[in-house]
Protein backbone atom coordinates (compact mmCIF):
# COMPACT_ATOMS: atom_id res chain seq x y z
CA ALA A 1 88.45 20.68 160.26
CA LEU A 2 90.68 22.63 157.83
CA ARG A 3 87.72 24.73 156.65
CA VAL A 4 86.84 25.55 160.24
CA ARG A 5 90.39 26.69 161.01
CA LEU A 6 90.61 28.97 157.92
CA SER A 7 87.24 30.52 158.58
CA GLY A 8 88.19 31.10 162.16
CA LEU A 9 91.47 32.73 161.17
CA ALA A 10 89.72 35.02 158.64
CA GLY A 11 87.18 35.99 161.29
CA ALA A 12 89.93 36.86 163.74
CA MET A 13 91.76 39.05 161.17
CA ALA A 14 88.52 40.80 160.30
CA ASP A 15 87.95 41.56 163.93
CA ASP A 16 91.43 43.01 164.40
CA LYS A 17 91.62 45.29 161.29
CA SER A 18 88.98 46.89 159.10
CA HIS A 19 91.27 47.08 155.97
CA ILE A 20 93.53 44.60 154.32
CA HIS A 21 96.89 46.18 153.35
CA TYR A 22 99.37 44.70 150.90
CA GLY A 23 102.91 45.27 152.03
CA ALA A 24 104.41 46.63 155.15
CA ILE A 25 102.73 49.55 156.88
CA ASP A 26 105.63 50.33 159.12
CA PRO A 27 108.11 52.66 157.32
CA GLU A 28 111.00 50.99 159.09
CA LYS A 29 110.03 47.69 157.48
CA SER A 30 109.94 49.27 154.05
CA LYS A 31 113.70 49.91 154.04
CA PRO A 32 115.67 47.38 152.03
CA ALA A 33 117.67 44.88 153.96
CA ALA A 34 121.39 45.09 153.95
CA GLY A 35 122.81 43.13 151.08
CA SER A 36 119.58 43.29 149.10
CA ASN A 37 119.68 44.12 145.37
CA VAL A 38 116.49 46.18 145.48
CA ARG A 39 117.08 49.93 145.77
CA MET A 40 114.26 52.45 146.08
CA PRO A 41 114.76 55.81 144.26
CA SER A 42 115.79 58.66 146.44
CA GLY A 43 113.93 61.96 146.69
CA ASP A 44 116.59 63.87 144.69
CA MET A 45 116.27 61.50 141.75
CA ILE A 46 112.48 61.90 141.72
CA ASP A 47 112.79 65.71 141.78
CA GLU A 48 115.25 65.70 138.86
CA ALA A 49 112.98 63.45 136.79
CA ALA A 50 110.01 65.73 137.48
CA GLU A 51 112.01 68.81 136.40
CA ASP A 52 113.03 67.07 133.14
CA MET A 53 109.42 66.24 132.41
CA ILE A 54 108.35 69.83 133.06
CA ARG A 55 111.16 71.15 130.85
CA ALA A 56 110.26 68.76 128.02
CA ARG A 57 106.58 69.67 128.32
CA GLN A 58 107.46 73.38 128.17
CA GLN A 59 109.61 72.87 125.07
CA HIS A 60 106.79 70.96 123.39
CA GLU A 61 104.28 73.71 124.20
CA ASP A 62 106.69 76.35 122.85
CA ALA A 63 107.16 74.39 119.62
CA VAL A 64 103.39 73.98 119.18
CA ARG A 65 102.86 77.69 119.88
CA ALA A 66 105.53 78.67 117.34
CA PHE A 67 103.99 76.36 114.73
CA GLU A 68 100.52 77.83 115.31
CA GLN A 69 101.95 81.34 115.11
CA LYS A 70 103.62 80.60 111.75
CA ALA A 71 100.41 79.04 110.45
CA SER A 72 98.43 82.11 111.49
CA GLN A 73 101.02 84.36 109.83
CA ARG A 74 100.61 82.51 106.53
CA GLN A 75 96.84 82.95 106.68
CA MET A 76 97.02 86.58 107.71
CA ALA A 77 95.96 89.25 105.18
CA VAL A 78 99.01 91.51 104.90
CA PRO A 79 99.17 94.45 102.43
CA THR A 80 101.32 93.79 99.36
CA GLY A 81 102.07 97.37 98.35
CA ASP A 82 105.25 98.76 99.87
CA GLY A 83 103.58 102.09 100.63
CA GLN A 84 100.73 100.39 102.45
CA VAL A 85 103.18 98.22 104.38
CA LYS A 86 105.00 101.34 105.57
CA ALA A 87 101.73 102.98 106.59
CA LYS A 88 100.76 99.89 108.57
CA LEU A 89 104.13 99.87 110.34
CA ARG A 90 103.55 103.50 111.34
CA GLU A 91 100.19 102.51 112.85
CA PHE A 92 101.95 99.92 115.00
CA GLY A 93 104.61 102.45 116.03
CA GLU A 94 107.41 100.44 114.41
CA PRO A 95 110.32 101.70 112.27
CA VAL A 96 109.27 102.16 108.67
CA SER A 97 112.56 100.85 107.34
CA ILE A 98 115.60 99.10 108.78
CA PHE A 99 119.09 99.27 107.31
CA GLY A 100 119.52 96.72 104.55
CA GLU A 101 115.82 95.85 104.47
CA GLY A 102 113.96 95.47 101.16
CA PRO A 103 110.23 95.42 100.41
CA TYR A 104 110.00 91.65 100.92
CA GLU A 105 111.78 91.74 104.30
CA ARG A 106 109.70 94.74 105.35
CA ARG A 107 106.46 92.92 104.56
CA ASP A 108 107.68 89.81 106.39
CA ARG A 109 108.49 91.94 109.44
CA LEU A 110 105.01 93.47 109.34
CA ARG A 111 103.49 89.98 109.23
CA THR A 112 105.46 88.99 112.34
CA ILE A 113 104.39 92.15 114.17
CA MET A 114 100.74 91.71 113.25
CA ALA A 115 100.82 88.07 114.33
CA GLY A 116 102.37 88.97 117.68
CA ARG A 117 99.85 91.72 118.43
CA THR A 118 96.79 89.94 117.19
CA ALA A 119 97.44 86.45 118.54
CA PRO A 120 94.29 84.32 118.54
CA THR A 121 92.66 83.94 121.93
CA VAL A 122 91.09 80.81 123.33
CA GLU A 123 87.63 82.20 122.64
CA SER A 124 88.46 82.94 119.02
CA LYS A 125 89.81 79.39 118.62
CA ARG A 126 86.57 78.03 120.04
CA GLN A 127 84.57 80.13 117.59
CA GLU A 128 86.75 78.93 114.73
CA ALA A 129 86.27 75.33 115.84
CA ALA A 130 82.52 75.99 115.98
CA GLY A 131 82.55 76.66 112.24
CA ASP A 132 83.48 80.31 111.65
CA GLU A 133 84.60 80.87 108.03
CA ASP A 134 88.10 82.04 107.15
CA LEU A 135 86.88 83.72 103.93
CA PHE A 136 86.54 87.47 104.24
CA TYR A 137 85.30 90.16 101.89
CA THR A 138 86.27 93.78 101.53
CA GLU A 139 83.33 96.11 101.16
CA GLY A 140 83.23 97.81 97.77
CA SER A 141 81.53 100.93 96.55
CA GLU A 142 78.11 101.13 94.94
CA GLU A 143 79.79 102.17 91.69
CA LEU A 144 81.82 98.95 91.69
CA LEU A 145 78.66 96.89 92.27
CA GLU A 146 76.94 98.63 89.38
CA ALA A 147 79.97 98.00 87.17
CA ARG A 148 80.04 94.28 88.07
CA VAL A 149 76.31 93.93 87.32
CA LYS A 150 76.72 95.77 84.01
CA ILE A 151 79.68 93.57 83.02
CA ALA A 152 77.70 90.44 83.88
CA GLU A 153 74.68 91.58 81.87
CA TRP A 154 76.94 92.38 78.91
CA SER A 155 79.11 89.23 79.02
CA ILE A 156 76.58 86.45 79.64
CA PRO A 157 74.67 86.87 76.33
CA ARG A 158 77.95 87.03 74.40
CA ALA A 159 79.22 83.90 76.10
CA ASN A 160 76.00 82.16 75.11
CA GLN A 161 76.38 83.34 71.49
CA ARG A 162 79.99 82.16 71.42
CA LEU A 163 79.04 78.70 72.65
CA ILE A 164 76.17 78.43 70.15
CA LYS A 165 78.53 79.41 67.34
CA GLU A 166 81.10 76.87 68.53
CA ARG A 167 78.53 74.06 68.60
CA ARG A 168 77.28 74.98 65.13
CA HIS A 169 80.84 75.05 63.84
CA ARG A 170 81.49 71.55 65.17
CA VAL A 171 78.35 70.21 63.53
CA GLU A 172 78.81 71.90 60.15
CA GLU A 173 82.57 71.49 59.68
CA ASP A 174 84.65 68.41 60.20
CA PRO A 175 87.71 68.98 62.43
CA LEU A 176 90.02 67.52 59.79
CA GLU A 177 88.66 69.91 57.16
CA TYR A 178 89.21 72.84 59.51
CA GLU A 179 92.82 71.76 60.13
CA GLU A 180 93.42 71.43 56.39
CA ARG A 181 92.03 74.92 55.84
CA VAL A 182 94.31 76.37 58.52
CA ASP A 183 97.29 74.48 57.06
CA ARG A 184 96.61 75.95 53.61
CA PHE A 185 96.51 79.44 55.07
CA ALA A 186 99.72 78.78 57.02
CA THR A 187 101.45 77.56 53.87
CA PHE A 188 100.30 80.69 52.05
CA LEU A 189 101.81 82.88 54.78
CA GLN A 190 105.03 80.90 54.80
CA LYS A 191 105.58 81.46 51.10
CA SER A 192 104.47 85.07 50.73
CA MET A 193 104.90 87.06 53.98
CA VAL A 194 107.84 89.50 53.96
CA ALA A 195 108.69 92.92 55.35
CA GLU A 196 106.79 95.41 53.18
CA VAL A 197 107.54 98.71 55.00
CA SER A 198 110.21 99.75 57.51
CA GLN A 199 110.16 103.16 59.15
CA VAL A 200 112.13 104.94 61.86
CA GLY A 201 109.47 105.63 64.45
CA ASP A 202 111.21 107.82 67.03
CA GLU A 203 114.50 109.09 68.39
CA ARG A 204 114.33 106.61 71.26
CA PRO A 205 113.36 102.91 71.39
CA LEU A 206 109.75 102.01 70.65
CA THR A 207 107.88 100.13 73.35
CA GLN A 208 104.56 98.96 71.87
CA GLY A 209 102.54 98.99 68.66
CA LYS A 210 98.82 98.29 68.15
CA TYR A 211 96.44 98.26 65.18
CA SER A 212 93.18 100.21 65.47
CA PRO A 213 89.90 98.23 65.60
CA ASP A 214 89.14 99.01 61.92
CA SER A 215 92.75 98.34 60.79
CA GLN A 216 93.23 101.80 59.30
CA LEU A 217 95.83 103.03 61.81
CA PHE A 218 98.86 101.70 63.66
CA CYS A 219 99.83 103.40 66.93
CA THR A 220 103.31 103.34 68.49
CA SER A 221 104.67 104.47 71.86
CA SER A 222 108.27 105.14 72.80
CA TRP A 223 110.65 105.98 75.61
CA SER A 224 110.58 109.62 74.54
CA GLY A 225 106.93 109.86 75.61
CA PHE A 226 105.66 110.51 72.08
CA ILE A 227 102.63 108.69 70.67
CA LYS A 228 102.41 108.43 66.89
CA LEU A 229 99.72 107.26 64.51
CA TRP A 230 100.64 105.68 61.16
CA LYS A 231 98.43 104.95 58.18
CA VAL A 232 97.96 101.37 57.04
CA PRO A 233 99.38 100.10 54.71
CA SER A 234 101.45 103.11 53.55
CA CYS A 235 103.03 103.62 57.01
CA GLU A 236 102.81 107.41 56.66
CA PRO A 237 102.75 109.44 59.91
CA THR A 238 99.38 111.07 60.37
CA LEU A 239 99.41 112.32 63.98
CA THR A 240 102.06 112.90 66.67
CA ILE A 241 101.23 113.63 70.31
CA ARG A 242 103.47 114.48 73.22
CA GLY A 243 101.87 111.91 75.46
CA HIS A 244 104.03 111.86 78.59
CA GLU A 245 107.08 113.50 80.08
CA ASP A 246 108.47 110.10 81.02
CA ARG A 247 108.77 106.77 79.17
CA CYS A 248 105.50 105.62 77.61
CA HIS A 249 105.14 101.87 78.08
CA SER A 250 101.72 100.98 76.71
CA ILE A 251 98.88 102.14 74.49
CA ALA A 252 95.39 100.72 73.91
CA TRP A 253 92.68 101.54 71.36
CA HIS A 254 89.09 102.06 72.44
CA PRO A 255 86.91 99.26 70.96
CA SER A 256 84.62 101.78 69.22
CA CYS A 257 87.37 103.87 67.59
CA ARG A 258 86.89 104.15 63.83
CA GLY A 259 88.33 106.22 61.01
CA THR A 260 91.46 108.34 60.58
CA PRO A 261 92.44 111.87 61.65
CA PRO A 262 91.03 114.45 61.77
CA PHE A 263 88.53 113.06 64.28
CA GLU A 264 85.39 114.78 65.48
CA GLY A 265 83.91 114.89 68.95
CA LYS A 266 85.48 114.58 72.37
CA THR A 267 85.15 110.87 73.00
CA VAL A 268 87.85 108.56 74.33
CA ARG A 269 89.67 106.85 71.46
CA LEU A 270 93.06 105.95 72.95
CA ALA A 271 94.69 105.32 76.32
CA SER A 272 98.39 105.52 77.17
CA ALA A 273 100.41 104.62 80.26
CA ALA A 274 103.87 105.70 81.32
CA ALA A 275 106.56 105.49 83.98
CA ASP A 276 105.19 108.63 85.66
CA SER A 277 102.40 106.38 87.11
CA ARG A 278 99.76 108.26 85.09
CA ILE A 279 97.25 107.06 82.50
CA ASN A 280 96.11 109.52 79.83
CA LEU A 281 92.85 109.22 77.90
CA TRP A 282 92.94 110.81 74.43
CA CYS A 283 90.21 111.99 72.09
CA LEU A 284 92.87 112.59 69.37
CA THR A 285 91.31 115.94 68.43
CA GLU A 286 93.46 117.95 70.84
CA SER A 287 97.09 117.92 71.92
CA GLN A 288 96.11 117.57 75.58
CA PRO A 289 94.60 114.45 77.17
CA LEU A 290 90.87 114.38 77.67
CA ASN A 291 91.28 112.94 81.19
CA VAL A 292 94.12 111.74 83.41
CA LEU A 293 93.79 108.70 85.67
CA GLU A 294 95.96 108.93 88.78
CA GLY A 295 96.25 106.45 91.63
CA HIS A 296 99.10 104.06 90.94
CA GLU A 297 102.12 104.43 93.21
CA ASP A 298 104.66 103.22 90.65
CA ARG A 299 105.13 102.95 86.88
CA VAL A 300 102.17 101.70 84.87
CA ASN A 301 103.08 98.77 82.64
CA ARG A 302 100.00 97.87 80.60
CA VAL A 303 96.52 99.24 79.88
CA VAL A 304 93.66 97.41 78.19
CA PHE A 305 90.04 98.42 77.52
CA HIS A 306 87.11 96.25 78.46
CA PRO A 307 85.32 95.07 75.28
CA MET A 308 82.21 96.92 76.46
CA GLY A 309 84.19 100.16 76.19
CA GLU A 310 83.17 101.69 79.52
CA HIS A 311 86.05 100.48 81.70
CA LEU A 312 89.84 100.34 81.60
CA VAL A 313 92.25 97.99 83.37
CA SER A 314 95.85 98.91 84.22
CA THR A 315 98.78 97.00 85.74
CA SER A 316 101.62 98.55 87.66
CA HIS A 317 104.87 98.00 89.51
CA ASP A 318 102.99 98.72 92.76
CA GLN A 319 101.93 95.03 92.65
CA SER A 320 98.30 95.78 91.89
CA TRP A 321 95.91 96.11 88.97
CA ARG A 322 93.09 98.61 88.91
CA LEU A 323 89.70 98.99 87.24
CA TRP A 324 88.74 102.47 86.09
CA ASP A 325 85.45 104.04 85.02
CA ILE A 326 86.10 105.98 81.81
CA ALA A 327 83.01 108.20 82.04
CA THR A 328 83.84 109.52 85.52
CA SER A 329 87.64 108.98 85.38
CA SER A 330 87.40 107.35 88.81
CA GLU A 331 89.00 104.25 90.28
CA LEU A 332 86.48 101.50 90.91
CA LEU A 333 88.77 98.72 92.13
CA LEU A 334 92.28 98.33 93.49
CA GLN A 335 93.01 94.62 93.30
CA GLU A 336 95.94 93.11 95.14
CA GLY A 337 97.03 89.48 95.00
CA HIS A 338 100.38 89.51 93.19
CA SER A 339 103.57 89.30 95.26
CA LYS A 340 105.67 90.92 92.53
CA PRO A 341 105.13 93.88 90.16
CA THR A 342 102.12 93.23 87.93
CA TYR A 343 102.86 93.44 84.21
CA GLY A 344 100.75 91.70 81.54
CA ALA A 345 96.98 92.01 81.17
CA ALA A 346 94.41 90.61 78.73
CA MET A 347 90.61 90.64 78.50
CA HIS A 348 88.50 87.60 77.71
CA PRO A 349 86.50 88.01 74.46
CA ASP A 350 83.27 87.80 76.47
CA GLY A 351 84.43 90.51 78.87
CA SER A 352 83.85 88.27 81.87
CA LEU A 353 87.46 87.41 82.78
CA ILE A 354 90.80 89.17 82.95
CA ALA A 355 94.23 87.57 83.11
CA THR A 356 97.16 89.32 84.79
CA SER A 357 100.80 88.32 85.16
CA ASP A 358 103.66 89.46 87.37
CA LEU A 359 107.45 89.58 87.38
CA GLY A 360 107.60 86.62 89.76
CA GLY A 361 106.32 84.17 87.15
CA GLY A 362 102.74 84.07 88.39
CA VAL A 363 99.59 84.32 86.28
CA ARG A 364 96.10 84.82 87.69
CA VAL A 365 92.69 84.72 86.04
CA TRP A 366 90.05 86.91 87.71
CA ASP A 367 86.28 86.96 87.35
CA LEU A 368 85.23 90.60 86.92
CA ARG A 369 81.64 89.77 87.81
CA SER A 370 82.46 88.42 91.29
CA GLY A 371 85.94 89.80 91.96
CA LYS A 372 87.40 86.38 92.74
CA CYS A 373 90.65 84.90 91.51
CA ILE A 374 89.30 81.75 89.91
CA MET A 375 92.49 80.29 88.47
CA PRO A 376 96.10 80.84 89.60
CA LEU A 377 98.45 79.41 86.96
CA ALA A 378 101.98 78.44 88.00
CA GLY A 379 104.50 77.11 85.52
CA HIS A 380 106.89 79.82 84.37
CA GLY A 381 110.19 80.09 86.18
CA LYS A 382 110.79 83.79 85.46
CA GLN A 383 108.87 86.99 84.87
CA VAL A 384 105.76 86.75 82.66
CA LEU A 385 105.53 89.78 80.38
CA SER A 386 102.55 89.09 78.14
CA VAL A 387 99.24 87.22 78.18
CA ASP A 388 96.46 86.86 75.61
CA PHE A 389 93.15 84.99 75.26
CA HIS A 390 92.26 82.96 72.19
CA PRO A 391 89.21 84.45 70.36
CA LYS A 392 87.27 81.26 71.10
CA GLY A 393 87.79 81.86 74.79
CA PHE A 394 89.16 78.57 76.10
CA TYR A 395 92.91 79.05 75.54
CA LEU A 396 95.23 81.45 77.34
CA ALA A 397 98.76 82.11 76.06
CA THR A 398 101.54 83.40 78.33
CA ALA A 399 105.07 84.52 77.41
CA ALA A 400 107.95 84.83 79.86
CA ASP A 401 111.62 85.48 80.44
CA ASP A 402 112.31 81.74 80.56
CA HIS A 403 112.32 81.80 76.71
CA SER A 404 109.04 79.87 76.54
CA ALA A 405 105.39 80.48 75.71
CA ARG A 406 102.79 78.33 77.42
CA ILE A 407 99.29 77.47 76.25
CA TRP A 408 96.78 76.94 79.06
CA ASP A 409 93.46 75.17 78.59
CA LEU A 410 91.02 76.97 80.87
CA ARG A 411 88.62 74.01 80.73
CA ARG A 412 91.23 71.60 82.06
CA ARG A 413 92.91 74.21 84.26
CA ARG A 414 96.40 73.19 83.20
CA CYS A 415 99.15 73.84 80.68
CA VAL A 416 98.67 71.79 77.52
CA HIS A 417 101.63 73.07 75.44
CA ASN A 418 105.04 74.51 76.29
CA LEU A 419 106.49 76.21 73.21
CA LEU A 420 110.28 76.58 73.17
CA GLY A 421 110.98 78.63 70.08
CA HIS A 422 113.19 81.52 71.21
CA ASN A 423 116.56 81.79 72.90
CA LYS A 424 115.83 85.06 74.74
CA LEU A 425 113.03 86.77 76.60
CA ILE A 426 109.62 86.75 74.87
CA SER A 427 108.13 90.24 75.05
CA GLU A 428 104.76 89.71 73.34
CA VAL A 429 102.27 86.94 72.58
CA SER A 430 99.15 87.60 70.52
CA PHE A 431 96.46 85.55 68.81
CA GLU A 432 95.06 86.40 65.42
CA LYS A 433 91.87 88.42 65.74
CA GLY A 434 88.68 86.72 64.65
CA ASP A 435 89.36 83.05 63.92
CA GLY A 436 92.50 82.61 66.01
CA ARG A 437 94.19 80.49 63.36
CA LEU A 438 97.62 81.92 64.17
CA MET A 439 99.59 83.08 67.17
CA LEU A 440 102.69 85.28 67.13
CA THR A 441 105.51 85.64 69.63
CA ALA A 442 108.02 88.53 69.63
CA SER A 443 111.35 88.11 71.36
CA TYR A 444 114.49 89.92 72.39
CA ASP A 445 116.38 87.60 70.04
CA GLY A 446 115.24 89.93 67.22
CA THR A 447 112.70 87.58 65.65
CA ILE A 448 108.93 87.25 65.39
CA LYS A 449 107.55 83.73 65.07
CA ILE A 450 104.12 82.78 63.76
CA TRP A 451 102.57 79.59 65.13
CA SER A 452 99.68 77.49 63.90
CA THR A 453 97.05 76.97 66.60
CA THR A 454 96.03 73.54 65.29
CA ASP A 455 99.31 71.71 65.88
CA TRP A 456 101.39 74.51 67.52
CA ARG A 457 104.22 74.41 65.00
CA VAL A 458 106.21 77.37 63.73
CA VAL A 459 104.80 78.52 60.41
CA LYS A 460 107.03 81.51 59.67
CA VAL A 461 109.99 83.32 61.23
CA LEU A 462 110.15 87.07 60.54
CA ILE A 463 113.73 88.35 60.68
CA GLY A 464 114.60 91.98 60.02
CA HIS A 465 114.94 93.98 63.22
CA GLU A 466 118.46 94.77 64.33
CA GLY A 467 117.54 94.94 68.01
CA ARG A 468 115.24 93.19 70.42
CA VAL A 469 111.59 93.22 69.36
CA MET A 470 109.54 95.05 71.99
CA GLY A 471 106.07 94.22 70.64
CA ALA A 472 103.99 93.02 67.70
CA ASP A 473 100.32 92.84 66.76
CA HIS A 474 98.03 91.07 64.29
CA ILE A 475 95.89 93.24 62.05
CA THR A 476 92.23 93.15 63.04
CA ALA A 477 90.93 92.63 59.49
CA SER A 478 92.68 91.94 56.21
CA VAL A 479 93.40 94.91 53.95
CA SER A 480 92.39 94.08 50.37
CA GLY A 481 92.84 90.41 51.18
CA HIS A 482 96.34 90.90 52.61
CA HIS A 483 97.31 89.75 56.10
CA TYR A 484 99.42 92.25 58.04
CA ILE A 485 101.59 92.08 61.15
CA GLY A 486 103.08 95.19 62.74
CA SER A 487 106.16 95.15 64.95
CA VAL A 488 108.24 97.66 66.93
CA ALA A 489 111.77 97.18 68.24
CA PHE A 490 114.54 98.61 70.35
CA ASP A 491 116.27 99.74 67.14
CA ARG A 492 113.64 102.55 66.94
CA THR A 493 111.97 101.11 63.84
CA LEU A 494 108.51 99.80 63.09
CA LYS A 495 107.83 97.30 60.34
CA PHE A 496 104.77 96.13 58.46
CA TRP A 497 104.95 92.50 57.39
CA SER A 498 102.50 91.51 54.67
CA THR A 499 101.85 88.77 52.14
CA GLN A 500 104.11 90.45 49.55
CA GLY A 501 101.27 92.29 47.87
CA LYS A 502 99.51 89.03 47.11
CA ALA A 503 95.95 88.46 48.15
CA GLU A 504 94.96 85.21 49.82
CA PRO A 505 94.04 82.77 47.04
CA ALA A 506 90.52 81.49 46.72
CA ILE A 507 89.97 77.98 48.00
CA ASP A 508 89.75 75.49 45.15
CA ALA A 509 88.90 72.05 46.45
CA SER A 510 89.90 70.32 43.21
CA SER A 511 93.48 71.52 43.48
CA PHE A 512 93.92 69.58 46.75
CA MET A 513 92.58 66.30 45.46
CA THR A 514 95.01 63.47 44.69
């Protein structure tokens, strides 16, 4: 009987209404009873909550948009040269300079302007999400392509020969025997190397000194702009050239230069760079430069020839380094990438790589065959003024204003030694030519230190200059069995350090037996 009643009641409700509603349908019944604790939110409260949600959503969208804009600014390719930054600001119709604004602030302002005017659209974001690459290339000239191919063809066989020689050396000579041989040579230098010749080189401070490839000449540059050649080992002046009207900062010998003045033929034998942003190429048969390379916007700090002898690399305060063709005296490459003035430069023995440093403490290794920066090296806290490759090709030495010299292993891509041997800025670091048994560092503390490359200990300290040492160089080949080091200093003098007129003794194995 109960089932019948329930089914009858359900049938009656289904006949009266087509839908079953939960709760009261009548709005009057939905109002809370007097004295009830349940309160329904009013319309004003709902509107305020909705406005807060909209405001919070808007703030979140603004924060996300600002984050994306900063991320796009960091990835944006902005010119590094101050002149190019100003030109770009002119294109956008913006003020070139604002009161109290420096090059860094000006470049940051250009980045903000470029990000605001080239904001990524939804379509570009979709394309990027679809797999578009962020890597971009700048189209180069046909001359640059030919130069890269020529450098690759020249460097690859020499790299192969170097590796074959290294493998043969490891098989034929025990590492301990090699270390003992280097230690004997270091002991010989420690006992016999002294200052043999000291000469006043100019009326103003000397800036750099380099031995010629055949070790017959020593070239010096100075703030007066004069370039002088000195005979080795007598240190007699043999040629003086008025190189520049402004301070001459760097000189470099052509790899094929041989002999002493007077020279014959108009071929490039020497390059010099100065604060007038010019690079002069000299044949050393005339008082005027054979060619002048112009293009840098600020002082040129260092020049170095490619081992092949057909190209020249220069670094400058315009935050770039450039590759020049010597035959045509034309600029093949303007390479940016440093955020501070570029200073040091060194060529790999194979001619495949170049290392550059800047006054911000950064060091970069570039592949000349592809144009890529393959190894940024960060470790120095202050300006890096000198870099040099080990003759065997796998070590790179850097010297900086933080009073340290660092040894980088290019195979491991990290710093393996941090040499703290000076108490002032280190102006020059250089490996011994040929075997690379020694490394020298010249410093503003007035000393030159010679290091052994087997255990990186100080072998000899050369003291004699009265001012800060501006540069030093190893002789390319021994002269009558004597090892020479040339140095130039702020006291206007150049010095030849030699093994006190004593030739390197012959190796007698019996004398080292116990």
